[in-house]
Protein backbone atom coordinates (compact mmCIF):
# COMPACT_ATOMS: atom_id res chain seq x y z
CA MET A 1 0.00 0.00 0.00
CA PHE A 2 1.52 3.33 -1.05
CA ARG A 3 1.42 5.94 1.70
CA LEU A 4 2.48 9.48 2.37
CA ALA A 5 5.07 9.95 5.10
CA SER A 6 2.58 11.58 7.49
CA ILE A 7 -0.02 8.79 7.37
CA GLN A 8 -0.04 6.70 10.56
CA VAL A 9 -3.15 4.55 10.06
CA GLU A 10 -4.54 3.36 6.75
CA LEU A 11 -7.46 1.06 6.00
CA ASP A 12 -7.90 -0.02 2.39
CA ASN A 13 -11.29 -1.56 1.45
CA ILE A 14 -11.74 -3.33 4.79
CA SER A 15 -14.61 -5.78 5.06
CA MET A 16 -15.57 -7.98 8.01
CA THR A 17 -17.97 -10.92 7.96
CA TYR A 18 -18.73 -13.00 11.04
CA GLN A 19 -19.40 -16.69 10.41
CA SER A 20 -21.58 -19.03 12.45
CA PRO A 21 -22.65 -22.63 11.75
CA LEU A 22 -26.03 -21.43 10.46
CA SER A 23 -25.37 -18.03 8.95
CA GLU A 24 -22.99 -15.21 8.27
CA THR A 25 -23.26 -11.56 9.26
CA LYS A 26 -21.57 -8.85 7.22
CA ALA A 27 -20.51 -6.21 9.75
CA ILE A 28 -18.25 -3.93 7.68
CA GLU A 29 -18.08 -3.46 3.92
CA ASP A 30 -15.35 -1.72 1.92
CA ILE A 31 -14.25 0.90 4.45
CA SER A 32 -11.20 2.95 3.51
CA LEU A 33 -9.71 5.72 5.60
CA GLN A 34 -6.42 7.39 6.43
CA VAL A 35 -5.35 9.11 9.63
CA THR A 36 -2.38 11.45 9.48
CA GLN A 37 0.11 12.35 12.16
CA GLY A 38 -1.32 14.56 14.91
CA GLU A 39 -4.94 14.21 13.76
CA PHE A 40 -7.84 13.64 16.12
CA VAL A 41 -10.36 11.60 14.13
CA SER A 42 -13.73 10.49 15.52
CA ILE A 43 -15.91 7.67 14.23
CA VAL A 44 -19.66 7.87 14.81
CA GLY A 45 -22.48 5.68 13.60
CA PRO A 46 -25.64 3.79 14.59
CA SER A 47 -25.55 1.32 17.46
CA GLY A 48 -23.93 -1.98 16.52
CA CYS A 49 -22.56 -0.77 13.19
CA GLY A 50 -19.01 -1.92 13.93
CA LYS A 51 -17.27 1.19 15.24
CA SER A 52 -15.41 -0.70 17.96
CA THR A 53 -14.64 -3.53 15.53
CA LEU A 54 -12.71 -1.04 13.40
CA LEU A 55 -10.49 -0.21 16.38
CA ASP A 56 -9.96 -3.92 17.02
CA ILE A 57 -8.89 -4.31 13.39
CA ILE A 58 -6.50 -1.34 13.59
CA CYS A 59 -4.76 -2.69 16.70
CA GLY A 60 -4.59 -6.24 15.34
CA LEU A 61 -7.01 -7.93 17.72
CA VAL A 62 -9.27 -8.87 14.80
CA GLU A 63 -8.22 -9.77 11.26
CA PRO A 64 -10.55 -8.41 8.55
CA THR A 65 -12.17 -10.77 6.09
CA ARG A 66 -10.89 -8.66 3.23
CA GLY A 67 -8.74 -5.58 2.72
CA LYS A 68 -5.41 -4.23 3.89
CA VAL A 69 -4.49 -2.59 7.18
CA GLY A 70 -1.51 -0.28 7.53
CA VAL A 71 -0.43 0.90 10.99
CA TYR A 72 2.89 2.68 10.81
CA SER A 73 3.45 3.73 14.44
CA PRO A 74 3.14 2.14 17.90
CA VAL A 75 -0.48 1.95 19.10
CA GLY A 76 -2.09 2.29 22.53
CA TYR A 77 -5.70 1.18 23.15
CA MET A 78 -7.94 2.80 25.79
CA LEU A 79 -11.17 0.87 26.35
CA GLN A 80 -14.64 1.86 27.55
CA ARG A 81 -13.90 0.84 31.15
CA ASP A 82 -10.70 1.83 32.89
CA HIS A 83 -9.87 -1.81 33.84
CA LEU A 84 -7.53 -0.62 36.60
CA PHE A 85 -6.43 -3.42 38.94
CA GLU A 86 -7.96 -2.58 42.32
CA TRP A 87 -5.15 -4.29 44.26
CA CYS A 88 -2.43 -2.18 42.60
CA SER A 89 -1.53 1.43 43.25
CA ILE A 90 -2.08 3.95 40.47
CA ARG A 91 1.65 4.03 39.76
CA LYS A 92 1.81 0.24 39.61
CA ASN A 93 -1.19 0.17 37.26
CA CYS A 94 0.53 2.63 34.96
CA LEU A 95 3.75 0.59 34.97
CA LEU A 96 2.10 -2.67 33.93
CA GLY A 97 2.46 -1.99 30.20
CA PRO A 98 6.19 -1.21 30.30
CA GLU A 99 6.71 -4.21 32.58
CA VAL A 100 4.90 -6.59 30.21
CA GLN A 101 6.88 -5.19 27.28
CA GLY A 102 10.15 -5.75 29.12
CA GLN A 103 11.10 -2.08 29.16
CA ASN A 104 13.63 -0.56 31.56
CA LEU A 105 11.42 -0.12 34.63
CA LYS A 106 13.59 2.59 36.17
CA GLU A 107 13.18 4.74 33.08
CA ALA A 108 9.51 3.80 32.79
CA ARG A 109 8.87 4.87 36.38
CA ILE A 110 10.49 8.26 35.76
CA TYR A 111 8.24 8.75 32.73
CA VAL A 112 5.09 7.57 34.55
CA ASP A 113 5.81 9.85 37.50
CA TYR A 114 6.28 12.72 35.04
CA LEU A 115 2.88 11.98 33.46
CA LEU A 116 1.14 11.61 36.82
CA SER A 117 2.63 14.87 38.08
CA THR A 118 1.96 16.78 34.86
CA TYR A 119 -1.68 15.72 34.65
CA GLY A 120 -2.76 16.20 38.24
CA LEU A 121 -2.28 12.74 39.74
CA GLY A 122 1.17 13.14 41.25
CA ASP A 123 -0.21 13.25 44.79
CA PHE A 124 -2.28 10.11 44.11
CA ALA A 125 0.43 7.83 42.70
CA ASP A 126 0.33 5.57 45.76
CA TYR A 127 -3.47 5.58 46.05
CA TYR A 128 -5.60 2.65 44.92
CA PRO A 129 -8.22 2.96 42.17
CA ARG A 130 -11.13 2.73 44.63
CA GLN A 131 -9.84 5.90 46.30
CA LEU A 132 -10.14 7.97 43.09
CA SER A 133 -13.14 9.60 41.47
CA GLY A 134 -14.42 8.34 38.13
CA GLY A 135 -12.77 11.19 36.27
CA MET A 136 -9.42 10.62 37.99
CA ARG A 137 -9.60 6.91 37.18
CA GLN A 138 -10.06 7.69 33.48
CA ARG A 139 -7.13 10.07 33.58
CA ALA A 140 -5.06 7.30 35.19
CA ALA A 141 -6.19 4.89 32.48
CA LEU A 142 -5.03 7.30 29.79
CA ILE A 143 -1.66 7.73 31.52
CA ARG A 144 -1.35 3.94 31.67
CA THR A 145 -1.95 3.89 27.90
CA LEU A 146 0.63 6.64 27.34
CA ALA A 147 3.20 4.87 29.54
CA VAL A 148 4.25 2.55 26.70
CA LYS A 149 4.87 5.63 24.51
CA PRO A 150 2.46 4.95 21.65
CA GLU A 151 2.22 7.40 18.77
CA VAL A 152 -1.39 6.47 17.96
CA LEU A 153 -4.14 6.30 20.59
CA LEU A 154 -7.27 4.25 19.97
CA LEU A 155 -10.05 5.51 22.25
CA ASP A 156 -13.14 3.28 22.47
CA GLU A 157 -15.88 5.33 24.18
CA PRO A 158 -13.67 5.97 27.21
CA PHE A 159 -16.14 8.40 28.82
CA SER A 160 -19.33 6.34 28.55
CA ALA A 161 -19.40 5.27 32.22
CA LEU A 162 -19.11 8.83 33.58
CA ASP A 163 -21.89 11.17 34.63
CA TYR A 164 -22.48 14.17 32.37
CA GLN A 165 -20.67 16.81 34.44
CA THR A 166 -17.62 14.61 35.04
CA ARG A 167 -17.66 13.60 31.39
CA LEU A 168 -17.38 17.20 30.17
CA ALA A 169 -14.37 17.79 32.42
CA VAL A 170 -12.64 14.52 31.48
CA VAL A 171 -13.19 15.11 27.76
CA ASP A 172 -11.34 18.39 28.17
CA ASP A 173 -8.58 16.67 30.17
CA VAL A 174 -8.07 13.87 27.65
CA TRP A 175 -8.13 16.21 24.64
CA SER A 176 -5.54 18.44 26.33
CA ILE A 177 -3.28 15.48 27.13
CA VAL A 178 -3.51 14.07 23.60
CA CYS A 179 -2.69 17.46 22.08
CA ARG A 180 0.09 18.29 24.54
CA GLU A 181 1.77 14.91 24.05
CA GLY A 182 1.47 15.28 20.26
CA LYS A 183 -0.42 12.02 19.74
CA THR A 184 -2.61 10.88 16.88
CA ALA A 185 -6.06 9.74 18.04
CA VAL A 186 -8.83 7.58 16.59
CA PHE A 187 -11.87 8.00 18.80
CA VAL A 188 -15.08 5.95 18.74
CA THR A 189 -18.09 7.59 20.35
CA HIS A 190 -21.88 7.52 20.25
CA ASP A 191 -21.99 11.18 21.30
CA ILE A 192 -22.10 13.60 18.34
CA ALA A 193 -21.42 16.66 20.50
CA GLU A 194 -18.41 14.96 22.03
CA ALA A 195 -17.01 14.15 18.59
CA ILE A 196 -17.46 17.70 17.29
CA SER A 197 -15.88 19.23 20.37
CA MET A 198 -12.70 17.13 20.11
CA SER A 199 -12.10 16.29 16.48
CA ASP A 200 -10.28 17.50 13.41
CA ARG A 201 -12.38 15.13 11.30
CA ILE A 202 -15.50 13.04 11.90
CA ILE A 203 -16.24 9.86 9.93
CA VAL A 204 -19.93 8.94 9.82
CA LEU A 205 -20.77 5.27 9.26
CA THR A 206 -23.98 3.74 7.94
CA ASN A 207 -26.04 0.98 9.49
CA ARG A 208 -24.69 -2.56 9.22
CA PRO A 209 -23.08 -3.56 6.98
CA SER A 210 -21.17 -0.45 7.86
CA MET A 211 -19.76 1.80 5.14
CA VAL A 212 -18.42 5.36 5.20
CA LYS A 213 -21.41 7.63 4.66
CA SER A 214 -19.62 10.98 4.98
CA VAL A 215 -16.49 12.67 6.29
CA HIS A 216 -16.61 16.09 7.95
CA THR A 217 -13.62 18.33 8.50
CA ILE A 218 -14.30 20.40 11.63
CA LEU A 219 -13.24 23.95 10.82
CA MET A 220 -12.84 25.49 14.25
CA ASP A 221 -9.96 27.32 15.90
CA LYS A 222 -7.55 24.60 17.06
CA LYS A 223 -6.69 26.71 20.11
CA LEU A 224 -10.23 26.26 21.47
CA ASN A 225 -10.70 23.44 23.97
CA PRO A 226 -13.75 21.14 23.78
CA LEU A 227 -15.83 23.22 26.20
CA GLN A 228 -15.11 26.37 24.23
CA ARG A 229 -15.93 24.66 20.94
CA ARG A 230 -19.43 23.87 22.21
CA GLN A 231 -20.05 27.64 22.39
CA GLU A 232 -19.13 28.27 18.76
CA GLY A 233 -21.90 29.14 16.30
CA SER A 234 -20.79 26.43 13.87
CA PHE A 235 -21.10 23.75 16.56
CA ARG A 236 -24.90 23.52 16.19
CA ARG A 237 -24.64 23.41 12.39
CA TYR A 238 -22.24 20.47 12.52
CA PHE A 239 -24.44 18.74 15.08
CA ASP A 240 -27.65 19.10 13.06
CA LEU A 241 -25.94 17.93 9.86
CA ILE A 242 -24.44 14.80 11.40
CA TRP A 243 -27.61 14.02 13.33
CA LYS A 244 -29.64 14.03 10.10
CA GLU A 245 -27.08 11.83 8.37
CA LEU A 246 -27.32 9.19 11.05
CA ASP A 247 -31.11 8.95 10.63
CA VAL A 248 -31.42 7.29 14.03
CA HIS A 249 -30.34 8.15 17.57
CA VAL A 250 -26.67 7.21 18.02
CA ASP A 251 -26.33 4.86 20.98
CA ARG A 252 -23.60 2.70 22.46
CA ASP A 253 -22.16 -0.18 20.47
């Protein structure tokens, strides 16, 4: 697959069909997309259309039935739940990735402590997950993902378990961390407003079998954070347009 130097993720005519003894279900059909370095790309679509499956394909957990996958940088995957180990401190949780990968743990600890301190969890490094709020747990989960130094972050509805007020704050936190660390992000969400407030581009998928219905470049000042973007006049126009394209209420996969 030919690629430009700045492309970090590339899907070329990806299709996915699930087989069972009695039938087959076509989940994804001929999806192609590219994500360039430093982009924040969101994927939205109807419930069950295969948004999360696309992330699984990108990170190699699932092999597509047809098509080519190109991932040209190290990947980190942040799931819907934080999956922090309750018996480990926050620091220990964040060091699990480097430990599994056989990295130098002394250097990894220095980097993890830097991330914890920089993003407001330095005083909680020796706390246990149950002692943190939901928003702090998600921040810790993101730091755990960053600890292995990925260039591309796959974010699978990481805010879905949070209440609305906490969610707004954590969205702002995560967006700021991704931008400050210079990461590329592919973000699956059922929340249109969330996607608009964070993204450079939004990819809208159809009902199953899922195909790319449209791609929207979000033309807002990149200096605005997600909360500020929600106040922009163009925010409502993007929302109404994408809402109509989906035809149905977007819900969780």
